[in-house]
C-alpha atoms as a PDB file:
ATOM      1  CA  MET A   1      30.373  41.858  86.471  1.00  0.00           C
ATOM      2  CA  PRO A   2      29.928  42.273  82.591  1.00  0.00           C
ATOM      3  CA  ARG A   3      26.681  42.143  80.829  1.00  0.00           C
ATOM      4  CA  ALA A   4      27.571  38.896  79.281  1.00  0.00           C
ATOM      5  CA  ALA A   5      28.063  37.224  81.805  1.00  0.00           C
ATOM      6  CA  VAL A   6      25.032  37.804  83.965  1.00  0.00           C
ATOM      7  CA  ILE A   7      23.335  36.717  80.647  1.00  0.00           C
ATOM      8  CA  ALA A   8      24.741  33.519  80.610  1.00  0.00           C
ATOM      9  CA  LEU A   9      24.793  33.235  84.146  1.00  0.00           C
ATOM     10  CA  GLY A  10      21.427  33.230  83.849  1.00  0.00           C
ATOM     11  CA  ALA A  11      20.622  30.673  81.177  1.00  0.00           C
ATOM     12  CA  VAL A  12      22.512  28.458  83.039  1.00  0.00           C
ATOM     13  CA  VAL A  13      20.640  28.442  86.064  1.00  0.00           C
ATOM     14  CA  ALA A  14      17.580  28.614  84.594  1.00  0.00           C
ATOM     15  CA  GLN A  15      18.233  25.376  82.472  1.00  0.00           C
ATOM     16  CA  PRO A  16      19.367  22.360  84.559  1.00  0.00           C
ATOM     17  CA  VAL A  17      21.207  19.262  82.823  1.00  0.00           C
ATOM     18  CA  GLN A  18      19.044  15.972  83.191  1.00  0.00           C
ATOM     19  CA  GLY A  19      20.920  13.231  84.334  1.00  0.00           C
ATOM     20  CA  ARG A  20      22.757  15.483  87.018  1.00  0.00           C
ATOM     21  CA  ASP A  21      22.899  16.579  90.439  1.00  0.00           C
ATOM     22  CA  PRO A  22      21.412  20.178  89.332  1.00  0.00           C
ATOM     23  CA  GLY A  23      23.020  21.505  92.495  1.00  0.00           C
ATOM     24  CA  LEU A  24      26.573  20.654  91.189  1.00  0.00           C
ATOM     25  CA  GLU A  25      25.692  21.373  87.784  1.00  0.00           C
ATOM     26  CA  ASN A  26      24.989  25.384  88.627  1.00  0.00           C
ATOM     27  CA  ALA A  27      28.086  25.414  90.713  1.00  0.00           C
ATOM     28  CA  GLY A  28      30.260  24.669  88.226  1.00  0.00           C
ATOM     29  CA  ASN A  29      28.642  26.744  85.649  1.00  0.00           C
ATOM     30  CA  LEU A  30      28.284  29.680  88.516  1.00  0.00           C
ATOM     31  CA  ALA A  31      32.762  29.285  88.716  1.00  0.00           C
ATOM     32  CA  ASN A  32      33.021  29.348  85.124  1.00  0.00           C
ATOM     33  CA  VAL A  33      31.161  32.389  84.625  1.00  0.00           C
ATOM     34  CA  VAL A  34      33.269  34.027  87.796  1.00  0.00           C
ATOM     35  CA  ARG A  35      35.878  32.894  86.158  1.00  0.00           C
ATOM     36  CA  MET A  36      35.296  34.819  82.727  1.00  0.00           C
ATOM     37  CA  SER A  37      34.078  37.854  84.791  1.00  0.00           C
ATOM     38  CA  ALA A  38      37.650  38.268  85.904  1.00  0.00           C
ATOM     39  CA  ASN A  39      39.450  37.431  82.596  1.00  0.00           C
ATOM     40  CA  GLU A  40      37.105  40.113  81.056  1.00  0.00           C
ATOM     41  CA  SER A  41      37.501  42.751  83.371  1.00  0.00           C
ATOM     42  CA  ALA A  42      41.664  42.427  84.146  1.00  0.00           C
ATOM     43  CA  ALA A  43      41.448  43.145  80.185  1.00  0.00           C
ATOM     44  CA  LEU A  44      39.679  46.025  80.131  1.00  0.00           C
ATOM     45  CA  PRO A  45      42.149  49.426  80.070  1.00  0.00           C
ATOM     46  CA  PRO A  46      42.365  51.082  83.004  1.00  0.00           C
ATOM     47  CA  ALA A  47      40.416  54.365  84.125  1.00  0.00           C
ATOM     48  CA  GLU A  48      43.698  56.476  85.314  1.00  0.00           C
ATOM     49  CA  ASP A  49      47.194  56.521  84.705  1.00  0.00           C
ATOM     50  CA  GLU A  50      50.010  58.907  86.737  1.00  0.00           C
ATOM     51  CA  CYS A  51      50.978  62.219  84.812  1.00  0.00           C
ATOM     52  CA  PRO A  52      54.121  62.281  83.196  1.00  0.00           C
ATOM     53  CA  SER A  53      55.354  65.264  84.891  1.00  0.00           C
ATOM     54  CA  CYS A  54      54.603  65.668  88.574  1.00  0.00           C
ATOM     55  CA  GLY A  55      52.982  61.702  88.958  1.00  0.00           C
ATOM     56  CA  ARG A  56      49.672  62.085  90.435  1.00  0.00           C
ATOM     57  CA  PRO A  57      46.881  60.232  89.293  1.00  0.00           C
ATOM     58  CA  MET A  58      44.867  61.505  86.142  1.00  0.00           C
ATOM     59  CA  SER A  59      42.336  59.994  84.204  1.00  0.00           C
ATOM     60  CA  VAL A  60      43.274  58.495  80.818  1.00  0.00           C
ATOM     61  CA  ARG A  61      40.828  60.740  78.834  1.00  0.00           C
ATOM     62  CA  ALA A  62      41.849  64.280  80.341  1.00  0.00           C
ATOM     63  CA  ARG A  63      44.625  65.835  78.213  1.00  0.00           C
ATOM     64  CA  LEU A  64      45.753  68.064  81.416  1.00  0.00           C
ATOM     65  CA  CYS A  65      46.858  66.817  84.884  1.00  0.00           C
ATOM     66  CA  PRO A  66      44.392  68.474  87.308  1.00  0.00           C
ATOM     67  CA  THR A  67      47.366  68.684  89.769  1.00  0.00           C
ATOM     68  CA  CYS A  68      50.179  70.403  87.364  1.00  0.00           C
ATOM     69  CA  ARG A  69      48.123  71.361  84.308  1.00  0.00           C
ATOM     70  CA  SER A  70      50.809  69.751  82.127  1.00  0.00           C
ATOM     71  CA  TYR A  71      49.863  68.367  79.076  1.00  0.00           C
ATOM     72  CA  ARG A  72      49.694  64.703  78.516  1.00  0.00           C
ATOM     73  CA  GLN A  73      51.736  64.835  75.351  1.00  0.00           C
ATOM     74  CA  GLN A  74      55.031  66.187  76.533  1.00  0.00           C
ATOM     75  CA  TRP A  75      55.706  67.851  73.829  1.00  0.00           C
ATOM     76  CA  LYS A  76      52.935  70.751  73.940  1.00  0.00           C
ATOM     77  CA  ASN A  77      54.813  71.435  77.140  1.00  0.00           C
ATOM     78  CA  TRP A  78      57.845  72.092  75.661  1.00  0.00           C
ATOM     79  CA  ILE A  79      55.994  74.412  73.310  1.00  0.00           C
ATOM     80  CA  LEU A  80      54.710  76.368  76.011  1.00  0.00           C
ATOM     81  CA  TYR A  81      57.999  76.446  77.406  1.00  0.00           C
ATOM     82  CA  TYR A  82      60.093  77.556  74.905  1.00  0.00           C
ATOM     83  CA  GLY A  83      57.130  80.117  73.995  1.00  0.00           C
ATOM     84  CA  SER A  84      57.296  81.366  77.521  1.00  0.00           C
ATOM     85  CA  ALA A  85      61.154  81.704  77.519  1.00  0.00           C
ATOM     86  CA  THR A  86      60.742  83.272  73.631  1.00  0.00           C
ATOM     87  CA  GLY A  87      58.438  86.059  75.417  1.00  0.00           C
ATOM     88  CA  VAL A  88      60.568  86.611  78.400  1.00  0.00           C
ATOM     89  CA  ILE A  89      63.964  87.265  76.100  1.00  0.00           C
ATOM     90  CA  ALA A  90      61.803  89.737  74.031  1.00  0.00           C
ATOM     91  CA  ILE A  91      60.358  91.605  76.441  1.00  0.00           C
ATOM     92  CA  VAL A  92      64.009  91.754  78.089  1.00  0.00           C
ATOM     93  CA  ILE A  93      65.411  92.593  74.807  1.00  0.00           C
ATOM     94  CA  SER A  94      63.155  95.378  74.606  1.00  0.00           C
ATOM     95  CA  ALA A  95      63.683  96.531  77.794  1.00  0.00           C
ATOM     96  CA  VAL A  96      67.471  96.619  76.670  1.00  0.00           C
ATOM     97  CA  THR A  97      66.854  98.807  73.607  1.00  0.00           C
ATOM     98  CA  PHE A  98      64.509 101.131  75.392  1.00  0.00           C
ATOM     99  CA  VAL A  99      66.579 102.048  78.286  1.00  0.00           C
ATOM    100  CA  SER A 100      70.130 102.180  75.973  1.00  0.00           C
ATOM    101  CA  ASP A 101      68.229 104.441  74.003  1.00  0.00           C
ATOM    102  CA  ALA A 102      65.565 106.662  76.150  1.00  0.00           C
ATOM    103  CA  GLY A 103      68.248 106.012  79.693  1.00  0.00           C
ATOM    104  CA  PRO A 104      70.228 108.917  78.878  1.00  0.00           C
ATOM    105  CA  ARG A 105      67.550 111.114  78.349  1.00  0.00           C
ATOM    106  CA  VAL A 106      65.712 109.997  81.274  1.00  0.00           C
ATOM    107  CA  TRP A 107      69.005 110.261  83.309  1.00  0.00           C
ATOM    108  CA  ALA A 108      69.651 113.642  82.435  1.00  0.00           C
ATOM    109  CA  SER A 109      66.150 114.749  83.049  1.00  0.00           C
ATOM    110  CA  ILE A 110      66.012 113.477  86.261  1.00  0.00           C
ATOM    111  CA  PHE A 111      69.879 114.153  87.593  1.00  0.00           C
ATOM    112  CA  GLY A 112      71.111 116.833  85.000  1.00  0.00           C
ATOM    113  CA  ARG A 113      71.675 120.378  85.317  1.00  0.00           C
ATOM    114  CA  ASP A 114      70.381 123.424  83.486  1.00  0.00           C
ATOM    115  CA  ALA A 115      72.495 125.310  82.039  1.00  0.00           C
ATOM    116  CA  ILE A 116      72.250 128.553  79.899  1.00  0.00           C
ATOM    117  CA  GLU A 117      75.274 129.827  78.167  1.00  0.00           C
ATOM    118  CA  THR A 118      76.095 133.452  76.603  1.00  0.00           C
ATOM    119  CA  VAL A 119      77.052 132.865  73.525  1.00  0.00           C
ATOM    120  CA  TYR A 120      77.653 136.785  72.915  1.00  0.00           C
ATOM    121  CA  PHE A 121      75.665 139.758  74.772  1.00  0.00           C
ATOM    122  CA  GLU A 122      75.405 143.152  73.728  1.00  0.00           C
ATOM    123  CA  TYR A 123      72.790 145.759  75.139  1.00  0.00           C
ATOM    124  CA  PRO A 124      71.357 147.798  73.622  1.00  0.00           C
ATOM    125  CA  GLY A 125      71.540 145.073  70.883  1.00  0.00           C
ATOM    126  CA  ASN A 126      71.635 141.894  69.846  1.00  0.00           C
ATOM    127  CA  SER A 127      72.606 138.603  71.770  1.00  0.00           C
ATOM    128  CA  ALA A 128      72.700 135.092  71.610  1.00  0.00           C
ATOM    129  CA  PHE A 129      72.111 132.341  74.290  1.00  0.00           C
ATOM    130  CA  LEU A 130      72.768 128.553  74.128  1.00  0.00           C
ATOM    131  CA  ASN A 131      70.776 125.820  76.385  1.00  0.00           C
ATOM    132  CA  THR A 132      73.424 123.430  77.591  1.00  0.00           C
ATOM    133  CA  GLY A 133      71.301 121.528  79.485  1.00  0.00           C
ATOM    134  CA  ALA A 134      68.557 118.578  79.677  1.00  0.00           C
ATOM    135  CA  ARG A 135      65.747 120.537  80.388  1.00  0.00           C
ATOM    136  CA  ASP A 136      63.779 123.182  79.260  1.00  0.00           C
ATOM    137  CA  VAL A 137      65.053 126.810  80.893  1.00  0.00           C
ATOM    138  CA  VAL A 138      63.054 129.978  80.601  1.00  0.00           C
ATOM    139  CA  ILE A 139      65.340 133.111  80.671  1.00  0.00           C
ATOM    140  CA  SER A 140      63.453 135.741  82.797  1.00  0.00           C
ATOM    141  CA  SER A 141      66.123 138.576  82.551  1.00  0.00           C
ATOM    142  CA  VAL A 142      69.155 139.988  82.407  1.00  0.00           C
ATOM    143  CA  SER A 143      70.609 142.004  85.404  1.00  0.00           C
ATOM    144  CA  LEU A 144      73.997 144.755  84.886  1.00  0.00           C
ATOM    145  CA  ASP A 145      75.041 146.298  87.848  1.00  0.00           C
ATOM    146  CA  TRP A 146      77.632 148.831  88.069  1.00  0.00           C
ATOM    147  CA  PRO A 147      80.070 149.171  91.276  1.00  0.00           C
ATOM    148  CA  ALA A 148      79.881 152.131  93.064  1.00  0.00           C
ATOM    149  CA  SER A 149      83.161 153.245  92.621  1.00  0.00           C
ATOM    150  CA  HIS A 150      81.804 153.902  88.843  1.00  0.00           C
ATOM    151  CA  ILE A 151      78.202 154.934  89.046  1.00  0.00           C
ATOM    152  CA  GLY A 152      76.569 153.014  91.245  1.00  0.00           C
ATOM    153  CA  ARG A 153      73.728 151.831  89.307  1.00  0.00           C
ATOM    154  CA  ARG A 154      71.944 148.346  88.603  1.00  0.00           C
ATOM    155  CA  ILE A 155      69.390 147.809  85.927  1.00  0.00           C
ATOM    156  CA  ASP A 156      67.067 144.776  85.128  1.00  0.00           C
ATOM    157  CA  LEU A 157      66.399 144.092  81.519  1.00  0.00           C
ATOM    158  CA  ARG A 158      63.491 141.649  81.061  1.00  0.00           C
ATOM    159  CA  ILE A 159      63.808 138.865  78.402  1.00  0.00           C
ATOM    160  CA  GLY A 160      61.549 135.859  79.316  1.00  0.00           C
ATOM    161  CA  LYS A 161      62.235 133.907  76.157  1.00  0.00           C
ATOM    162  CA  LEU A 162      61.855 129.566  76.706  1.00  0.00           C
ATOM    163  CA  VAL A 163      65.219 128.100  75.717  1.00  0.00           C
ATOM    164  CA  LYS A 164      64.543 124.220  75.202  1.00  0.00           C
ATOM    165  CA  PRO A 165      68.108 121.644  75.265  1.00  0.00           C
ATOM    166  CA  GLY A 166      70.425 122.296  72.970  1.00  0.00           C
ATOM    167  CA  GLU A 167      68.729 125.317  71.288  1.00  0.00           C
ATOM    168  CA  VAL A 168      70.366 128.758  70.626  1.00  0.00           C
ATOM    169  CA  ILE A 169      67.849 132.006  70.774  1.00  0.00           C
ATOM    170  CA  PHE A 170      68.781 134.865  69.529  1.00  0.00           C
ATOM    171  CA  ILE A 171      67.059 137.803  71.539  1.00  0.00           C
ATOM    172  CA  ASP A 172      67.086 141.754  70.568  1.00  0.00           C
ATOM    173  CA  ILE A 173      67.470 143.747  73.652  1.00  0.00           C
ATOM    174  CA  PRO A 174      66.075 147.173  72.869  1.00  0.00           C
ATOM    175  CA  SER A 175      67.209 150.275  75.266  1.00  0.00           C
ATOM    176  CA  GLN A 176      65.384 150.691  78.045  1.00  0.00           C
ATOM    177  CA  TYR A 177      65.420 154.966  77.887  1.00  0.00           C
ATOM    178  CA  GLU A 178      65.239 157.279  75.427  1.00  0.00           C
ATOM    179  CA  GLU A 179      68.115 157.682  73.438  1.00  0.00           C
ATOM    180  CA  PRO A 180      69.813 161.205  71.682  1.00  0.00           C
ATOM    181  CA  LYS A 181      68.014 162.234  68.216  1.00  0.00           C
ATOM    182  CA  ASP A 182      71.018 162.580  66.752  1.00  0.00           C
ATOM    183  CA  ILE A 183      73.062 159.068  68.538  1.00  0.00           C
ATOM    184  CA  ASN A 184      73.587 157.806  64.639  1.00  0.00           C
ATOM    185  CA  VAL A 185      76.219 160.640  64.276  1.00  0.00           C
ATOM    186  CA  ALA A 186      77.510 159.880  67.806  1.00  0.00           C
ATOM    187  CA  GLN A 187      81.430 158.453  68.083  1.00  0.00           C
ATOM    188  CA  TRP A 188      82.527 155.955  69.986  1.00  0.00           C
ATOM    189  CA  VAL A 189      84.971 157.295  72.864  1.00  0.00           C
ATOM    190  CA  ARG A 190      88.443 156.108  73.241  1.00  0.00           C
ATOM    191  CA  GLY A 191      91.146 156.613  76.080  1.00  0.00           C
ATOM    192  CA  ASP A 192      90.251 156.927  79.985  1.00  0.00           C
ATOM    193  CA  ALA A 193      86.378 156.594  80.624  1.00  0.00           C
ATOM    194  CA  VAL A 194      86.252 160.073  82.870  1.00  0.00           C
ATOM    195  CA  SER A 195      83.476 161.059  85.360  1.00  0.00           C
ATOM    196  CA  SER A 196      81.891 163.460  82.950  1.00  0.00           C
ATOM    197  CA  LEU A 197      81.378 161.345  80.606  1.00  0.00           C
ATOM    198  CA  ILE A 198      79.771 158.279  82.938  1.00  0.00           C
ATOM    199  CA  ASN A 199      77.733 160.620  84.307  1.00  0.00           C
ATOM    200  CA  GLU A 200      76.616 161.712  80.770  1.00  0.00           C
ATOM    201  CA  ALA A 201      75.519 158.935  79.947  1.00  0.00           C
ATOM    202  CA  PHE A 202      74.148 157.347  82.557  1.00  0.00           C
ATOM    203  CA  ASP A 203      71.575 160.812  82.971  1.00  0.00           C
ATOM    204  CA  ILE A 204      68.764 159.005  81.172  1.00  0.00           C
ATOM    205  CA  GLY A 205      66.333 161.009  82.319  1.00  0.00           C
ATOM    206  CA  GLU A 206      67.446 163.832  80.592  1.00  0.00           C
ATOM    207  CA  PRO A 207      66.564 163.678  77.099  1.00  0.00           C
ATOM    208  CA  GLN A 208      69.237 166.185  75.678  1.00  0.00           C
ATOM    209  CA  HIS A 209      72.100 163.545  76.939  1.00  0.00           C
ATOM    210  CA  CYS A 210      74.749 163.899  74.904  1.00  0.00           C
ATOM    211  CA  ALA A 211      76.059 160.306  75.478  1.00  0.00           C
ATOM    212  CA  VAL A 212      75.066 156.710  75.875  1.00  0.00           C
ATOM    213  CA  PHE A 213      76.431 153.260  77.315  1.00  0.00           C
ATOM    214  CA  HIS A 214      76.681 150.603  75.657  1.00  0.00           C
ATOM    215  CA  VAL A 215      77.375 147.307  77.701  1.00  0.00           C
ATOM    216  CA  TYR A 216      79.244 143.582  75.699  1.00  0.00           C
ATOM    217  CA  ASN A 217      80.716 140.934  77.340  1.00  0.00           C
ATOM    218  CA  ALA A 218      84.477 139.808  76.410  1.00  0.00           C
ATOM    219  CA  GLU A 219      83.868 137.682  73.989  1.00  0.00           C
ATOM    220  CA  HIS A 220      81.523 139.396  71.764  1.00  0.00           C
ATOM    221  CA  PRO A 221      83.180 139.355  68.461  1.00  0.00           C
ATOM    222  CA  SER A 222      83.146 142.914  67.080  1.00  0.00           C
ATOM    223  CA  PHE A 223      83.924 144.537  70.399  1.00  0.00           C
ATOM    224  CA  ARG A 224      86.868 142.267  70.282  1.00  0.00           C
ATOM    225  CA  LEU A 225      87.597 143.066  66.403  1.00  0.00           C
ATOM    226  CA  ILE A 226      87.834 146.759  67.385  1.00  0.00           C
ATOM    227  CA  ASP A 227      90.051 146.748  69.991  1.00  0.00           C
ATOM    228  CA  THR A 228      92.451 144.391  68.068  1.00  0.00           C
ATOM    229  CA  LEU A 229      92.080 146.891  65.277  1.00  0.00           C
ATOM    230  CA  HIS A 230      92.833 149.843  67.479  1.00  0.00           C
ATOM    231  CA  PRO A 231      95.117 148.327  70.332  1.00  0.00           C
ATOM    232  CA  GLU A 232      97.331 151.814  70.909  1.00  0.00           C
ATOM    233  CA  ARG A 233      93.743 153.267  71.628  1.00  0.00           C
ATOM    234  CA  PRO A 234      91.263 151.108  73.052  1.00  0.00           C
ATOM    235  CA  LEU A 235      87.744 151.674  73.950  1.00  0.00           C
ATOM    236  CA  ALA A 236      86.978 153.805  76.855  1.00  0.00           C
ATOM    237  CA  VAL A 237      85.381 151.178  79.049  1.00  0.00           C
ATOM    238  CA  ILE A 238      84.302 150.638  83.070  1.00  0.00           C
ATOM    239  CA  PRO A 239      83.295 147.187  84.322  1.00  0.00           C
ATOM    240  CA  ALA A 240      79.710 145.949  84.697  1.00  0.00           C
ATOM    241  CA  GLU A 241      78.562 142.714  86.491  1.00  0.00           C
ATOM    242  CA  ALA A 242      76.064 141.095  84.110  1.00  0.00           C
ATOM    243  CA  PHE A 243      73.843 137.980  85.753  1.00  0.00           C
ATOM    244  CA  LEU A 244      71.629 135.827  83.928  1.00  0.00           C
ATOM    245  CA  ASN A 245      67.928 135.272  85.520  1.00  0.00           C
ATOM    246  CA  ILE A 246      66.610 132.016  85.082  1.00  0.00           C
ATOM    247  CA  TYR A 247      63.663 129.771  85.280  1.00  0.00           C
ATOM    248  CA  HIS A 248      63.583 126.466  85.511  1.00  0.00           C
ATOM    249  CA  VAL A 249      60.466 124.613  84.089  1.00  0.00           C
ATOM    250  CA  SER A 250      61.028 121.156  85.593  1.00  0.00           C
ATOM    251  CA  THR A 251      61.233 122.316  89.180  1.00  0.00           C
ATOM    252  CA  LYS A 252      59.838 125.927  89.259  1.00  0.00           C
ATOM    253  CA  LYS A 253      62.595 127.635  90.899  1.00  0.00           C
ATOM    254  CA  THR A 254      64.485 130.985  89.356  1.00  0.00           C
ATOM    255  CA  GLU A 255      68.441 131.010  90.209  1.00  0.00           C
ATOM    256  CA  SER A 256      71.038 133.807  89.063  1.00  0.00           C
ATOM    257  CA  THR A 257      73.870 132.864  87.606  1.00  0.00           C
ATOM    258  CA  SER A 258      77.308 135.319  86.766  1.00  0.00           C
ATOM    259  CA  MET A 259      77.658 135.636  82.818  1.00  0.00           C
ATOM    260  CA  GLY A 260      81.114 137.214  84.285  1.00  0.00           C
ATOM    261  CA  GLN A 261      82.306 140.982  83.574  1.00  0.00           C
ATOM    262  CA  ALA A 262      80.989 143.002  80.893  1.00  0.00           C
ATOM    263  CA  LYS A 263      82.280 145.963  79.382  1.00  0.00           C
ATOM    264  CA  THR A 264      80.607 149.199  79.140  1.00  0.00           C
ATOM    265  CA  ALA A 265      81.386 151.347  76.241  1.00  0.00           C
ATOM    266  CA  PHE A 266      80.205 154.943  75.458  1.00  0.00           C
ATOM    267  CA  LEU A 267      79.291 157.152  72.790  1.00  0.00           C
ATOM    268  CA  ALA A 268      79.294 160.521  72.475  1.00  0.00           C
ATOM    269  CA  THR A 269      77.885 163.023  69.664  1.00  0.00           C
ATOM    270  CA  ASN A 270      79.246 166.295  69.080  1.00  0.00           C
ATOM    271  CA  ARG A 271      77.412 168.559  71.820  1.00  0.00           C
ATOM    272  CA  CYS A 272      79.160 166.437  74.401  1.00  0.00           C
ATOM    273  CA  SER A 273      81.807 168.974  76.359  1.00  0.00           C
ATOM    274  CA  GLN A 274      86.001 167.948  75.195  1.00  0.00           C
ATOM    275  CA  THR A 275      85.881 166.759  79.104  1.00  0.00           C
ATOM    276  CA  ALA A 276      83.983 164.076  78.133  1.00  0.00           C
ATOM    277  CA  GLY A 277      86.472 162.277  76.522  1.00  0.00           C
ATOM    278  CA  ALA A 278      88.167 162.701  72.639  1.00  0.00           C
ATOM    279  CA  ALA A 279      85.422 161.683  70.448  1.00  0.00           C
ATOM    280  CA  VAL A 280      87.550 159.911  68.121  1.00  0.00           C
ATOM    281  CA  PRO A 281      85.243 157.870  65.072  1.00  0.00           C
ATOM    282  CA  ILE A 282      86.056 154.032  65.028  1.00  0.00           C
ATOM    283  CA  VAL A 283      84.335 151.512  63.306  1.00  0.00           C
ATOM    284  CA  THR A 284      80.971 151.201  64.282  1.00  0.00           C
ATOM    285  CA  LEU A 285      79.446 148.362  65.425  1.00  0.00           C
ATOM    286  CA  PRO A 286      76.269 146.652  63.531  1.00  0.00           C
END
């Protein structure tokens, strides 16, 4: 009961009116006070109402619904909704951008194959290799193998160079063996490579040998030019198998891949016997 009604009720009860029955008078006054109290109570605002989002009861003074945690003002809920949606869209766009940019590289790094292409090869001399794969590769060595029908020999040329994807690397591969002192005046041998010439060139333990061998791949521009300039008398060559030994940095595995068939030409000095082949001068390789 409101405080004003209680005070009025006490005043009425405390002051009886003369000439009237106090009991009836007090009863009537009490009824009026109770009626006034009920009217005042009905006029007061309610203490709770419904949440506009979930319909559950919430205090009229509360800004957030205790049930669904929505704001009483709906425009705040819309701001949160659109803000969250915008954030999600921004994340999706960023993810799509990242995948479109880095995706091919990631795919290639996981599923791509390591590959080294031989641009040109020459031993002793300068060679070039291209990494056409997606990961780092180390060129460990090059192996040269001559069939038994000619000389039956195999040598390994250590390189140990890292090649990054898309990189071309130029490598100078010096001779592993002592060359004759007069090699600078030697001449390229044309015609047929006779056995005596081959044996003399591969007699690497003899420092006085009069001939040396020179290996190159079929795509080497200098040797192709030489054969083009002298088609009637090509270089005296024997075949050799060349293998590229590489180390995969990502998988820590080694692999040997064929470089195709290489050619072995010969340089002979004037000290070589006539049976070693005709020592006819031709264009000297750079």
